[in-house]
Each structure stands twice: as structure tokens, then as C-alpha cells.
Amino acid sequence: TVKSCSTLLDRNIKTVSTQKRSAYRKMAITTDVELIHLMLNEFSISIEIT
């Protein structure tokens, strides 16, 4: 989540949210599902479901 990322990175939650939106805009995506799809198909990233 954005909150967990902001805590992990020691950044303000609004900063992380803005950076996430900016990255999504650059990748022409709008949802987390689209990001996962992009990672799996375009970057050959695999995930382990447990």
C-alpha cells in the first residue's frame, strides 16, 4: 500500500502517492491491476502465490 511504502521509505504519504500517480501516468496505466499485468507481461516478472 502507499502507506506501507511511505513508512518503509520514511516519506510523507502524499509524496509517495504523487510519485505513484506520476509513474502510472508515464506508463499509461491507471490501476494496480494494470501495473501487475504490465510487470508480468512486459518485464517477465514472476510472482509466487502462496
PDB file of N, CA and C in Angstrom:
ATOM      1  N   THR A   1       0.837  -1.192   0.000  1.00  0.00           N
ATOM      2  CA  THR A   1       0.000   0.000   0.000  1.00  0.00           C
ATOM      3  C   THR A   1       0.876   1.247   0.000  1.00  0.00           C
ATOM      4  N   VAL A   2       0.271   2.346  -0.331  1.00  0.00           N
ATOM      5  CA  VAL A   2       1.001   3.615  -0.323  1.00  0.00           C
ATOM      6  C   VAL A   2       1.473   3.930   1.092  1.00  0.00           C
ATOM      7  N   LYS A   3       0.631   3.644   2.070  1.00  0.00           N
ATOM      8  CA  LYS A   3       1.005   3.923   3.458  1.00  0.00           C
ATOM      9  C   LYS A   3       2.218   3.096   3.881  1.00  0.00           C
ATOM     10  N   SER A   4       2.232   1.819   3.561  1.00  0.00           N
ATOM     11  CA  SER A   4       3.370   0.982   3.949  1.00  0.00           C
ATOM     12  C   SER A   4       4.639   1.407   3.213  1.00  0.00           C
ATOM     13  N   CYS A   5       4.503   1.805   1.957  1.00  0.00           N
ATOM     14  CA  CYS A   5       5.662   2.305   1.207  1.00  0.00           C
ATOM     15  C   CYS A   5       6.201   3.587   1.821  1.00  0.00           C
ATOM     16  N   SER A   6       5.310   4.477   2.214  1.00  0.00           N
ATOM     17  CA  SER A   6       5.753   5.741   2.805  1.00  0.00           C
ATOM     18  C   SER A   6       6.472   5.501   4.126  1.00  0.00           C
ATOM     19  N   THR A   7       5.990   4.544   4.896  1.00  0.00           N
ATOM     20  CA  THR A   7       6.648   4.205   6.160  1.00  0.00           C
ATOM     21  C   THR A   7       8.016   3.592   5.893  1.00  0.00           C
ATOM     22  N   LEU A   8       8.069   2.647   4.975  1.00  0.00           N
ATOM     23  CA  LEU A   8       9.313   1.963   4.638  1.00  0.00           C
ATOM     24  C   LEU A   8      10.362   2.939   4.108  1.00  0.00           C
ATOM     25  N   LEU A   9       9.926   3.895   3.290  1.00  0.00           N
ATOM     26  CA  LEU A   9      10.840   4.858   2.675  1.00  0.00           C
ATOM     27  C   LEU A   9      11.054   6.111   3.511  1.00  0.00           C
ATOM     28  N   ASP A  10      10.344   6.188   4.642  1.00  0.00           N
ATOM     29  CA  ASP A  10      10.405   7.359   5.520  1.00  0.00           C
ATOM     30  C   ASP A  10      10.075   8.637   4.745  1.00  0.00           C
ATOM     31  N   ARG A  11       8.960   8.566   4.007  1.00  0.00           N
ATOM     32  CA  ARG A  11       8.474   9.696   3.220  1.00  0.00           C
ATOM     33  C   ARG A  11       7.033   9.988   3.599  1.00  0.00           C
ATOM     34  N   ASN A  12       6.603  11.200   3.331  1.00  0.00           N
ATOM     35  CA  ASN A  12       5.221  11.577   3.566  1.00  0.00           C
ATOM     36  C   ASN A  12       4.326  10.786   2.627  1.00  0.00           C
ATOM     37  N   ILE A  13       3.183  10.363   3.126  1.00  0.00           N
ATOM     38  CA  ILE A  13       2.256   9.561   2.321  1.00  0.00           C
ATOM     39  C   ILE A  13       1.807  10.310   1.066  1.00  0.00           C
ATOM     40  N   LYS A  14       1.657  11.633   1.160  1.00  0.00           N
ATOM     41  CA  LYS A  14       1.256  12.418  -0.013  1.00  0.00           C
ATOM     42  C   LYS A  14       2.354  12.427  -1.076  1.00  0.00           C
ATOM     43  N   THR A  15       3.615  12.449  -0.639  1.00  0.00           N
ATOM     44  CA  THR A  15       4.737  12.405  -1.575  1.00  0.00           C
ATOM     45  C   THR A  15       4.739  11.093  -2.342  1.00  0.00           C
ATOM     46  N   VAL A  16       4.584   9.990  -1.617  1.00  0.00           N
ATOM     47  CA  VAL A  16       4.577   8.673  -2.251  1.00  0.00           C
ATOM     48  C   VAL A  16       3.385   8.541  -3.194  1.00  0.00           C
ATOM     49  N   SER A  17       2.237   9.037  -2.784  1.00  0.00           N
ATOM     50  CA  SER A  17       1.047   8.980  -3.626  1.00  0.00           C
ATOM     51  C   SER A  17       1.253   9.763  -4.924  1.00  0.00           C
ATOM     52  N   THR A  18       1.847  10.938  -4.823  1.00  0.00           N
ATOM     53  CA  THR A  18       2.129  11.758  -6.005  1.00  0.00           C
ATOM     54  C   THR A  18       3.118  11.056  -6.925  1.00  0.00           C
ATOM     55  N   GLN A  19       4.151  10.453  -6.343  1.00  0.00           N
ATOM     56  CA  GLN A  19       5.142   9.745  -7.146  1.00  0.00           C
ATOM     57  C   GLN A  19       4.522   8.530  -7.838  1.00  0.00           C
ATOM     58  N   LYS A  20       3.615   7.852  -7.152  1.00  0.00           N
ATOM     59  CA  LYS A  20       2.925   6.703  -7.742  1.00  0.00           C
ATOM     60  C   LYS A  20       2.079   7.152  -8.932  1.00  0.00           C
ATOM     61  N   ARG A  21       1.310   8.218  -8.753  1.00  0.00           N
ATOM     62  CA  ARG A  21       0.479   8.725  -9.851  1.00  0.00           C
ATOM     63  C   ARG A  21       1.335   9.146 -11.041  1.00  0.00           C
ATOM     64  N   SER A  22       2.466   9.770 -10.770  1.00  0.00           N
ATOM     65  CA  SER A  22       3.373  10.198 -11.832  1.00  0.00           C
ATOM     66  C   SER A  22       3.923   8.990 -12.597  1.00  0.00           C
ATOM     67  N   ALA A  23       4.311   7.957 -11.880  1.00  0.00           N
ATOM     68  CA  ALA A  23       4.823   6.745 -12.525  1.00  0.00           C
ATOM     69  C   ALA A  23       3.739   6.079 -13.358  1.00  0.00           C
ATOM     70  N   TYR A  24       2.527   6.007 -12.823  1.00  0.00           N
ATOM     71  CA  TYR A  24       1.409   5.412 -13.560  1.00  0.00           C
ATOM     72  C   TYR A  24       1.138   6.197 -14.840  1.00  0.00           C
ATOM     73  N   ARG A  25       1.187   7.515 -14.756  1.00  0.00           N
ATOM     74  CA  ARG A  25       0.944   8.352 -15.929  1.00  0.00           C
ATOM     75  C   ARG A  25       2.013   8.084 -17.001  1.00  0.00           C
ATOM     76  N   LYS A  26       3.277   7.968 -16.589  1.00  0.00           N
ATOM     77  CA  LYS A  26       4.364   7.711 -17.539  1.00  0.00           C
ATOM     78  C   LYS A  26       4.228   6.346 -18.203  1.00  0.00           C
ATOM     79  N   MET A  27       3.657   5.384 -17.474  1.00  0.00           N
ATOM     80  CA  MET A  27       3.468   4.035 -18.023  1.00  0.00           C
ATOM     81  C   MET A  27       2.111   3.878 -18.698  1.00  0.00           C
ATOM     82  N   ALA A  28       1.323   4.943 -18.706  1.00  0.00           N
ATOM     83  CA  ALA A  28      -0.018   4.945 -19.316  1.00  0.00           C
ATOM     84  C   ALA A  28      -0.931   3.896 -18.693  1.00  0.00           C
ATOM     85  N   ILE A  29      -0.883   3.793 -17.358  1.00  0.00           N
ATOM     86  CA  ILE A  29      -1.777   2.890 -16.640  1.00  0.00           C
ATOM     87  C   ILE A  29      -2.522   3.679 -15.572  1.00  0.00           C
ATOM     88  N   THR A  30      -3.613   3.099 -15.069  1.00  0.00           N
ATOM     89  CA  THR A  30      -4.401   3.820 -14.067  1.00  0.00           C
ATOM     90  C   THR A  30      -4.696   3.005 -12.815  1.00  0.00           C
ATOM     91  N   THR A  31      -4.445   1.700 -12.853  1.00  0.00           N
ATOM     92  CA  THR A  31      -4.787   0.869 -11.694  1.00  0.00           C
ATOM     93  C   THR A  31      -3.634  -0.057 -11.313  1.00  0.00           C
ATOM     94  N   ASP A  32      -3.708  -0.575 -10.083  1.00  0.00           N
ATOM     95  CA  ASP A  32      -2.717  -1.542  -9.618  1.00  0.00           C
ATOM     96  C   ASP A  32      -2.776  -2.823 -10.448  1.00  0.00           C
ATOM     97  N   VAL A  33      -3.968  -3.199 -10.876  1.00  0.00           N
ATOM     98  CA  VAL A  33      -4.128  -4.398 -11.704  1.00  0.00           C
ATOM     99  C   VAL A  33      -3.380  -4.231 -13.023  1.00  0.00           C
ATOM    100  N   GLU A  34      -3.470  -3.058 -13.617  1.00  0.00           N
ATOM    101  CA  GLU A  34      -2.740  -2.795 -14.860  1.00  0.00           C
ATOM    102  C   GLU A  34      -1.233  -2.857 -14.624  1.00  0.00           C
ATOM    103  N   LEU A  35      -0.780  -2.385 -13.471  1.00  0.00           N
ATOM    104  CA  LEU A  35       0.643  -2.446 -13.138  1.00  0.00           C
ATOM    105  C   LEU A  35       1.106  -3.896 -13.043  1.00  0.00           C
ATOM    106  N   ILE A  36       0.340  -4.733 -12.372  1.00  0.00           N
ATOM    107  CA  ILE A  36       0.696  -6.148 -12.249  1.00  0.00           C
ATOM    108  C   ILE A  36       0.721  -6.808 -13.623  1.00  0.00           C
ATOM    109  N   HIS A  37      -0.280  -6.500 -14.441  1.00  0.00           N
ATOM    110  CA  HIS A  37      -0.326  -7.047 -15.802  1.00  0.00           C
ATOM    111  C   HIS A  37       0.910  -6.623 -16.585  1.00  0.00           C
ATOM    112  N   LEU A  38       1.293  -5.371 -16.484  1.00  0.00           N
ATOM    113  CA  LEU A  38       2.471  -4.854 -17.174  1.00  0.00           C
ATOM    114  C   LEU A  38       3.730  -5.569 -16.695  1.00  0.00           C
ATOM    115  N   MET A  39       3.865  -5.733 -15.388  1.00  0.00           N
ATOM    116  CA  MET A  39       5.041  -6.408 -14.829  1.00  0.00           C
ATOM    117  C   MET A  39       5.134  -7.851 -15.313  1.00  0.00           C
ATOM    118  N   LEU A  40       4.016  -8.552 -15.314  1.00  0.00           N
ATOM    119  CA  LEU A  40       4.016  -9.959 -15.704  1.00  0.00           C
ATOM    120  C   LEU A  40       4.280 -10.152 -17.192  1.00  0.00           C
ATOM    121  N   ASN A  41       3.732  -9.285 -18.022  1.00  0.00           N
ATOM    122  CA  ASN A  41       3.824  -9.475 -19.468  1.00  0.00           C
ATOM    123  C   ASN A  41       4.978  -8.744 -20.138  1.00  0.00           C
ATOM    124  N   GLU A  42       5.235  -7.537 -19.740  1.00  0.00           N
ATOM    125  CA  GLU A  42       6.256  -6.739 -20.420  1.00  0.00           C
ATOM    126  C   GLU A  42       7.648  -6.919 -19.826  1.00  0.00           C
ATOM    127  N   PHE A  43       7.722  -7.158 -18.532  1.00  0.00           N
ATOM    128  CA  PHE A  43       9.022  -7.237 -17.869  1.00  0.00           C
ATOM    129  C   PHE A  43       9.368  -8.645 -17.413  1.00  0.00           C
ATOM    130  N   SER A  44       8.534  -9.619 -17.757  1.00  0.00           N
ATOM    131  CA  SER A  44       8.764 -11.026 -17.417  1.00  0.00           C
ATOM    132  C   SER A  44       9.038 -11.237 -15.931  1.00  0.00           C
ATOM    133  N   ILE A  45       8.330 -10.506 -15.098  1.00  0.00           N
ATOM    134  CA  ILE A  45       8.450 -10.674 -13.653  1.00  0.00           C
ATOM    135  C   ILE A  45       7.462 -11.746 -13.231  1.00  0.00           C
ATOM    136  N   SER A  46       7.944 -12.686 -12.431  1.00  0.00           N
ATOM    137  CA  SER A  46       7.058 -13.753 -11.970  1.00  0.00           C
ATOM    138  C   SER A  46       6.701 -13.516 -10.509  1.00  0.00           C
ATOM    139  N   ILE A  47       5.546 -14.028 -10.129  1.00  0.00           N
ATOM    140  CA  ILE A  47       5.117 -13.919  -8.742  1.00  0.00           C
ATOM    141  C   ILE A  47       4.791 -15.304  -8.222  1.00  0.00           C
ATOM    142  N   GLU A  48       4.983 -15.481  -6.926  1.00  0.00           N
ATOM    143  CA  GLU A  48       4.655 -16.743  -6.276  1.00  0.00           C
ATOM    144  C   GLU A  48       3.425 -16.529  -5.421  1.00  0.00           C
ATOM    145  N   ILE A  49       2.396 -17.288  -5.686  1.00  0.00           N
ATOM    146  CA  ILE A  49       1.159 -17.179  -4.920  1.00  0.00           C
ATOM    147  C   ILE A  49       1.160 -18.289  -3.884  1.00  0.00           C
ATOM    148  N   THR A  50       1.059 -17.888  -2.617  1.00  0.00           N
ATOM    149  CA  THR A  50       1.061 -18.892  -1.540  1.00  0.00           C
ATOM    150  C   THR A  50      -0.235 -18.891  -0.791  1.00  0.00           C
TER     151      THR A  50
END
